[in-house]
Amino acid sequence: MDAQTQLELEAAAFRTLRTHLMEQRTDAQNIDMMNLAGFCRNCLSRWVQEAANERGIEMSKDEAREAYYGMTMDEWKANHQTDATQQKQAAFKQAFDENVAKK
């Protein structure tokens, strides 16, 4: 497989993942994703931001999130986010420290 085809397939897979998380599984909470998999929608938007910044494209965290979510974080939270238990919040702190803060 040539590099361009690989790039296109990877981009298509990313778009499918985004659609799945943003349209088909809005019930999957970010905190649960982070606790189970070590990443969430916010991580995906951050990775988009980091890729843009590495290429000299200025993009803030909020801009990246709005581009990924298709809405502001406030809108997403109001429409889809549920309250997390203290147990989930404690697990999130550990998952965040292990998967995000150390980078």
N, C-alpha and C. Protein backbone atom coordinates (compact mmCIF):
# COMPACT_ATOMS: atom_id res chain seq x y z
N MET A 1 0.85 -1.18 0.00
CA MET A 1 0.00 0.00 0.00
C MET A 1 0.89 1.24 0.00
N ASP A 2 0.55 2.19 -0.85
CA ASP A 2 1.35 3.42 -0.90
C ASP A 2 0.97 4.35 0.26
N ALA A 3 1.82 5.32 0.54
CA ALA A 3 1.65 6.20 1.70
C ALA A 3 0.37 7.03 1.61
N GLN A 4 0.01 7.50 0.42
CA GLN A 4 -1.20 8.31 0.27
C GLN A 4 -2.45 7.50 0.57
N THR A 5 -2.49 6.26 0.08
CA THR A 5 -3.63 5.40 0.35
C THR A 5 -3.74 5.10 1.85
N GLN A 6 -2.61 4.84 2.49
CA GLN A 6 -2.62 4.60 3.92
C GLN A 6 -3.14 5.82 4.68
N LEU A 7 -2.67 7.00 4.28
CA LEU A 7 -3.14 8.24 4.90
C LEU A 7 -4.65 8.40 4.73
N GLU A 8 -5.15 8.14 3.55
CA GLU A 8 -6.58 8.27 3.29
C GLU A 8 -7.40 7.27 4.10
N LEU A 9 -6.92 6.04 4.23
CA LEU A 9 -7.62 5.03 5.01
C LEU A 9 -7.63 5.39 6.50
N GLU A 10 -6.50 5.87 6.99
CA GLU A 10 -6.44 6.29 8.40
C GLU A 10 -7.37 7.47 8.66
N ALA A 11 -7.41 8.43 7.73
CA ALA A 11 -8.31 9.57 7.88
C ALA A 11 -9.76 9.12 7.85
N ALA A 12 -10.08 8.17 6.99
CA ALA A 12 -11.46 7.66 6.93
C ALA A 12 -11.82 6.94 8.23
N ALA A 13 -10.89 6.20 8.79
CA ALA A 13 -11.15 5.51 10.06
C ALA A 13 -11.37 6.52 11.17
N PHE A 14 -10.58 7.60 11.20
CA PHE A 14 -10.76 8.64 12.20
C PHE A 14 -12.13 9.29 12.06
N ARG A 15 -12.53 9.59 10.84
CA ARG A 15 -13.85 10.21 10.62
C ARG A 15 -14.97 9.27 11.07
N THR A 16 -14.80 7.98 10.83
CA THR A 16 -15.80 7.01 11.27
C THR A 16 -15.86 6.95 12.80
N LEU A 17 -14.72 6.97 13.46
CA LEU A 17 -14.68 7.00 14.92
C LEU A 17 -15.37 8.24 15.44
N ARG A 18 -15.09 9.39 14.85
CA ARG A 18 -15.71 10.63 15.29
C ARG A 18 -17.23 10.55 15.13
N THR A 19 -17.70 10.10 13.99
CA THR A 19 -19.14 9.96 13.76
C THR A 19 -19.76 9.00 14.77
N HIS A 20 -19.09 7.90 15.01
CA HIS A 20 -19.60 6.92 15.96
C HIS A 20 -19.76 7.54 17.35
N LEU A 21 -18.74 8.26 17.81
CA LEU A 21 -18.78 8.84 19.15
C LEU A 21 -19.70 10.06 19.24
N MET A 22 -19.80 10.83 18.18
CA MET A 22 -20.55 12.08 18.24
C MET A 22 -22.02 11.93 17.84
N GLU A 23 -22.34 10.90 17.08
CA GLU A 23 -23.71 10.74 16.60
C GLU A 23 -24.37 9.45 17.06
N GLN A 24 -23.62 8.37 17.07
CA GLN A 24 -24.23 7.09 17.37
C GLN A 24 -24.11 6.70 18.85
N ARG A 25 -23.09 7.19 19.55
CA ARG A 25 -22.88 6.80 20.94
C ARG A 25 -22.68 8.02 21.84
N THR A 26 -23.60 8.96 21.73
CA THR A 26 -23.52 10.13 22.62
C THR A 26 -23.72 9.73 24.07
N ASP A 27 -24.27 8.53 24.29
CA ASP A 27 -24.47 8.03 25.65
C ASP A 27 -23.15 7.60 26.31
N ALA A 28 -22.15 7.33 25.52
CA ALA A 28 -20.85 6.94 26.08
C ALA A 28 -20.19 8.20 26.66
N GLN A 29 -20.11 8.26 27.95
CA GLN A 29 -19.60 9.45 28.63
C GLN A 29 -18.08 9.53 28.52
N ASN A 30 -17.56 10.74 28.37
CA ASN A 30 -16.11 10.93 28.30
C ASN A 30 -15.41 10.34 29.51
N ILE A 31 -15.97 10.52 30.70
CA ILE A 31 -15.33 10.02 31.90
C ILE A 31 -15.22 8.50 31.87
N ASP A 32 -16.24 7.83 31.35
CA ASP A 32 -16.19 6.37 31.24
C ASP A 32 -15.16 5.93 30.21
N MET A 33 -15.10 6.65 29.10
CA MET A 33 -14.10 6.33 28.07
C MET A 33 -12.69 6.50 28.63
N MET A 34 -12.45 7.59 29.34
CA MET A 34 -11.13 7.82 29.91
C MET A 34 -10.78 6.74 30.93
N ASN A 35 -11.75 6.41 31.77
CA ASN A 35 -11.50 5.42 32.81
C ASN A 35 -11.23 4.03 32.23
N LEU A 36 -11.89 3.69 31.13
CA LEU A 36 -11.72 2.36 30.53
C LEU A 36 -10.61 2.29 29.49
N ALA A 37 -10.49 3.34 28.68
CA ALA A 37 -9.58 3.27 27.54
C ALA A 37 -8.39 4.22 27.62
N GLY A 38 -8.44 5.17 28.56
CA GLY A 38 -7.33 6.11 28.68
C GLY A 38 -7.39 7.26 27.69
N PHE A 39 -8.52 7.42 26.99
CA PHE A 39 -8.71 8.57 26.11
C PHE A 39 -10.20 8.82 25.98
N CYS A 40 -10.54 10.02 25.52
CA CYS A 40 -11.95 10.38 25.34
C CYS A 40 -12.06 11.36 24.17
N ARG A 41 -13.23 11.91 23.98
CA ARG A 41 -13.43 12.86 22.89
C ARG A 41 -12.51 14.07 23.04
N ASN A 42 -12.31 14.52 24.28
CA ASN A 42 -11.42 15.66 24.50
C ASN A 42 -10.00 15.34 24.08
N CYS A 43 -9.56 14.12 24.32
CA CYS A 43 -8.23 13.70 23.88
C CYS A 43 -8.14 13.74 22.36
N LEU A 44 -9.18 13.23 21.70
CA LEU A 44 -9.18 13.25 20.24
C LEU A 44 -9.11 14.68 19.72
N SER A 45 -9.85 15.59 20.33
CA SER A 45 -9.80 16.99 19.88
C SER A 45 -8.42 17.58 20.18
N ARG A 46 -7.82 17.19 21.30
CA ARG A 46 -6.47 17.69 21.63
C ARG A 46 -5.45 17.17 20.61
N TRP A 47 -5.61 15.93 20.19
CA TRP A 47 -4.69 15.38 19.19
C TRP A 47 -4.82 16.12 17.86
N VAL A 48 -6.03 16.53 17.51
CA VAL A 48 -6.23 17.35 16.31
C VAL A 48 -5.51 18.69 16.50
N GLN A 49 -5.68 19.30 17.67
CA GLN A 49 -5.02 20.57 17.96
C GLN A 49 -3.50 20.43 17.88
N GLU A 50 -2.96 19.40 18.49
CA GLU A 50 -1.52 19.19 18.47
C GLU A 50 -0.99 18.98 17.06
N ALA A 51 -1.73 18.23 16.25
CA ALA A 51 -1.32 18.00 14.86
C ALA A 51 -1.34 19.31 14.08
N ALA A 52 -2.35 20.14 14.31
CA ALA A 52 -2.43 21.44 13.64
C ALA A 52 -1.26 22.31 14.07
N ASN A 53 -1.03 22.40 15.37
CA ASN A 53 0.05 23.24 15.89
C ASN A 53 1.41 22.79 15.37
N GLU A 54 1.62 21.47 15.27
CA GLU A 54 2.89 20.95 14.74
C GLU A 54 3.12 21.37 13.29
N ARG A 55 2.04 21.66 12.59
CA ARG A 55 2.13 22.07 11.19
C ARG A 55 2.05 23.59 11.02
N GLY A 56 2.17 24.29 12.15
CA GLY A 56 2.17 25.74 12.10
C GLY A 56 0.79 26.37 12.02
N ILE A 57 -0.24 25.59 12.25
CA ILE A 57 -1.61 26.10 12.23
C ILE A 57 -2.01 26.37 13.67
N GLU A 58 -2.26 27.63 13.99
CA GLU A 58 -2.64 27.96 15.35
C GLU A 58 -4.08 27.53 15.60
N MET A 59 -4.26 26.76 16.67
CA MET A 59 -5.58 26.29 17.04
C MET A 59 -5.59 26.16 18.55
N SER A 60 -6.54 26.82 19.19
CA SER A 60 -6.65 26.74 20.64
C SER A 60 -7.38 25.46 21.04
N LYS A 61 -7.34 25.14 22.32
CA LYS A 61 -8.06 23.98 22.83
C LYS A 61 -9.55 24.11 22.54
N ASP A 62 -10.11 25.29 22.80
CA ASP A 62 -11.54 25.49 22.56
C ASP A 62 -11.88 25.38 21.08
N GLU A 63 -11.03 25.92 20.20
CA GLU A 63 -11.26 25.81 18.76
C GLU A 63 -11.22 24.35 18.31
N ALA A 64 -10.26 23.60 18.84
CA ALA A 64 -10.16 22.18 18.48
C ALA A 64 -11.36 21.41 18.95
N ARG A 65 -11.80 21.69 20.18
CA ARG A 65 -12.97 20.99 20.69
C ARG A 65 -14.21 21.32 19.87
N GLU A 66 -14.39 22.57 19.53
CA GLU A 66 -15.56 22.94 18.74
C GLU A 66 -15.50 22.31 17.35
N ALA A 67 -14.30 22.24 16.77
CA ALA A 67 -14.15 21.59 15.46
C ALA A 67 -14.47 20.10 15.57
N TYR A 68 -14.00 19.45 16.64
CA TYR A 68 -14.23 18.01 16.80
C TYR A 68 -15.68 17.72 17.17
N TYR A 69 -16.19 18.43 18.16
CA TYR A 69 -17.54 18.19 18.66
C TYR A 69 -18.62 18.70 17.70
N GLY A 70 -18.29 19.70 16.89
CA GLY A 70 -19.30 20.31 16.04
C GLY A 70 -20.19 21.27 16.82
N MET A 71 -19.76 21.61 18.01
CA MET A 71 -20.49 22.53 18.90
C MET A 71 -19.54 22.91 20.02
N THR A 72 -19.94 23.86 20.82
CA THR A 72 -19.10 24.23 21.96
C THR A 72 -19.18 23.15 23.03
N MET A 73 -18.21 23.16 23.93
CA MET A 73 -18.23 22.20 25.04
C MET A 73 -19.45 22.43 25.91
N ASP A 74 -19.83 23.68 26.12
CA ASP A 74 -21.02 23.97 26.91
C ASP A 74 -22.27 23.33 26.29
N GLU A 75 -22.38 23.41 24.96
CA GLU A 75 -23.51 22.79 24.27
C GLU A 75 -23.49 21.27 24.43
N TRP A 76 -22.29 20.68 24.24
CA TRP A 76 -22.16 19.22 24.37
C TRP A 76 -22.57 18.79 25.79
N LYS A 77 -22.03 19.48 26.79
CA LYS A 77 -22.34 19.12 28.17
C LYS A 77 -23.83 19.22 28.45
N ALA A 78 -24.45 20.29 27.99
CA ALA A 78 -25.88 20.49 28.23
C ALA A 78 -26.72 19.41 27.55
N ASN A 79 -26.29 18.97 26.38
CA ASN A 79 -27.06 18.00 25.60
C ASN A 79 -26.78 16.54 25.92
N HIS A 80 -25.54 16.24 26.39
CA HIS A 80 -25.15 14.84 26.47
C HIS A 80 -24.47 14.40 27.76
N GLN A 81 -23.90 15.31 28.50
CA GLN A 81 -23.11 14.90 29.66
C GLN A 81 -23.99 14.69 30.89
N THR A 82 -23.73 13.60 31.60
CA THR A 82 -24.45 13.31 32.83
C THR A 82 -23.50 13.50 34.01
N ASP A 83 -24.07 13.60 35.20
CA ASP A 83 -23.25 13.74 36.40
C ASP A 83 -22.47 12.46 36.66
N ALA A 84 -21.24 12.64 37.11
CA ALA A 84 -20.37 11.49 37.41
C ALA A 84 -20.34 11.27 38.92
N THR A 85 -20.32 10.01 39.29
CA THR A 85 -20.22 9.68 40.71
C THR A 85 -18.82 10.02 41.22
N GLN A 86 -18.69 10.10 42.53
CA GLN A 86 -17.37 10.36 43.12
C GLN A 86 -16.39 9.25 42.77
N GLN A 87 -16.89 8.01 42.69
CA GLN A 87 -16.03 6.88 42.32
C GLN A 87 -15.49 7.06 40.90
N LYS A 88 -16.36 7.46 39.97
CA LYS A 88 -15.91 7.69 38.59
C LYS A 88 -14.93 8.86 38.53
N GLN A 89 -15.18 9.90 39.31
CA GLN A 89 -14.28 11.05 39.34
C GLN A 89 -12.90 10.66 39.87
N ALA A 90 -12.85 9.82 40.88
CA ALA A 90 -11.56 9.36 41.42
C ALA A 90 -10.83 8.50 40.40
N ALA A 91 -11.56 7.61 39.72
CA ALA A 91 -10.94 6.79 38.68
C ALA A 91 -10.44 7.66 37.54
N PHE A 92 -11.20 8.71 37.21
CA PHE A 92 -10.79 9.63 36.15
C PHE A 92 -9.49 10.33 36.50
N LYS A 93 -9.36 10.79 37.74
CA LYS A 93 -8.13 11.47 38.15
C LYS A 93 -6.93 10.57 37.91
N GLN A 94 -7.06 9.30 38.29
CA GLN A 94 -5.96 8.36 38.08
C GLN A 94 -5.70 8.14 36.58
N ALA A 95 -6.77 7.92 35.81
CA ALA A 95 -6.62 7.70 34.37
C ALA A 95 -6.01 8.92 33.69
N PHE A 96 -6.46 10.11 34.09
CA PHE A 96 -5.92 11.33 33.51
C PHE A 96 -4.44 11.47 33.83
N ASP A 97 -4.08 11.23 35.08
CA ASP A 97 -2.68 11.32 35.48
C ASP A 97 -1.81 10.33 34.71
N GLU A 98 -2.33 9.13 34.47
CA GLU A 98 -1.56 8.10 33.77
C GLU A 98 -1.49 8.33 32.27
N ASN A 99 -2.53 8.91 31.68
CA ASN A 99 -2.62 8.98 30.22
C ASN A 99 -2.45 10.35 29.60
N VAL A 100 -2.64 11.40 30.40
CA VAL A 100 -2.59 12.73 29.83
C VAL A 100 -1.54 13.59 30.53
N ALA A 101 -1.59 13.68 31.82
CA ALA A 101 -0.74 14.61 32.56
C ALA A 101 0.74 14.30 32.41
N LYS A 102 1.12 13.05 32.24
CA LYS A 102 2.52 12.68 32.13
C LYS A 102 3.14 13.04 30.79
N LYS A 103 2.32 13.39 29.83
CA LYS A 103 2.84 13.65 28.48
C LYS A 103 3.36 15.04 28.33
